[in-house]
Every structure is written in structure tokens, then in C-alpha cells.
């Protein structure tokens, strides 16, 4: 069978969650081989959509400045391709509303919800999918002893504080897989780690 030579590259990774037989479930994600800068996006639109590069830069700058102010005030911004809204979280877990103070609330990120029409158009432009080999990441993510050693090494090196980046360095996992594994250790009736949001970074500590 000839190998597919078009479409989006995807990677397959095992998740920390297992089936009844103890096998890791897998998930897929784009390989993200192509990453466009603002200049490259402007050049793309100029070549294929007959726009001026500087117009694109000015429009993006204006949107960024306006969105920054509006999102900071809690607004949701609706665009032709989807909506942007702030996502809030708590510095530490709380069990009742009366325990939540203003100082406990943090901005965790910005959510983007694509419109159905935009998502449909992306699907219509798709040329399918093709796999990219990533056997090493799959093997590492399913090796429980390796992950345990990597976590302990990270804890020792960072005085009990674990971040996704520091765990990536010791585990060899990619960012998404590393965060999934750390989040998995915060779940269940007897979690191993506690996750705390500090500024823009999640910090994991032993319980």
C-alpha cells in the first residue's frame, strides 16, 4: 500500500489512563510541523488572498490591543470565526463559595470557541490525515517505572516543586504528554500530587 503523502500529520501518544486489561488508552494530536509567525501569515495572505502584508499586521495589532483590554474586564469577544473569553481558576482548591476571596482568583487562560461554520469550513478544506512515527514517546509514556523515577528526580532537583518543563526534561515526554501525566497524578481518591496555579505556570507538589 502506498504511503499517504498529503493531509495533516498527526502523532499518537498513550495517555496515563488504562483499560480493564491495564493497557494505556491512546490519543492523537497534530504534529505541528508548521508554525507560522505573523510575518509568515501576512506573506501567506498576500500571496493567496490578495491582501497587503502591512494591513494584516495592523489588523492583528489592533485586535490584540482591543482584546487585551476587553478580556481583562471579563468580556467575551465574538468574531466571524469564533469567540474569545477569559478562563478563571483558583490558586488553591476550595469546597464552598464563601471561602473564595478575590485574591484566590487567577486568570488561567483564554478560551477560543470556534463557530460551527468556521469549523465546517476547516473540515471541508482538510485533505485527511497521515501519521508521523513517534515510537519513543509512546514507549516512555507507558513505562510506569521510568515515569516514577523521572518524577522523583524532578522533585529532588527542584526542592519539591515540579513544572511541566522540568518533568519534560527528566521524562523525555513532549509537553502535552508530560502535562497529561502530571494531571493524572492529581486525580482519583488518593492523588499523588497537588496542582497549583502560580502566575502563568502550573506547579505540582507532593501530597
Foldseek 3Di string as FASTA:
>chain_A
DDADDDFFEKEKAFFPDADPVRHTDIDMDTPCPDDDDLQRVLVVCCVPVVDHSVVSVVVVVVCVVVCVVQQVVQDWDQDPFWIKHWDKDFQADDDDPVVDDPVRIDTAGIDTDTDPVNVVVVVVPTPDYGYDDDVVQRVLLSDVVQLVVLVVVLCVVVVFKDFLVSSCVRSVHDSVNSVSVLVVQCDDPDRQWGWGDDHHTIIIGGD
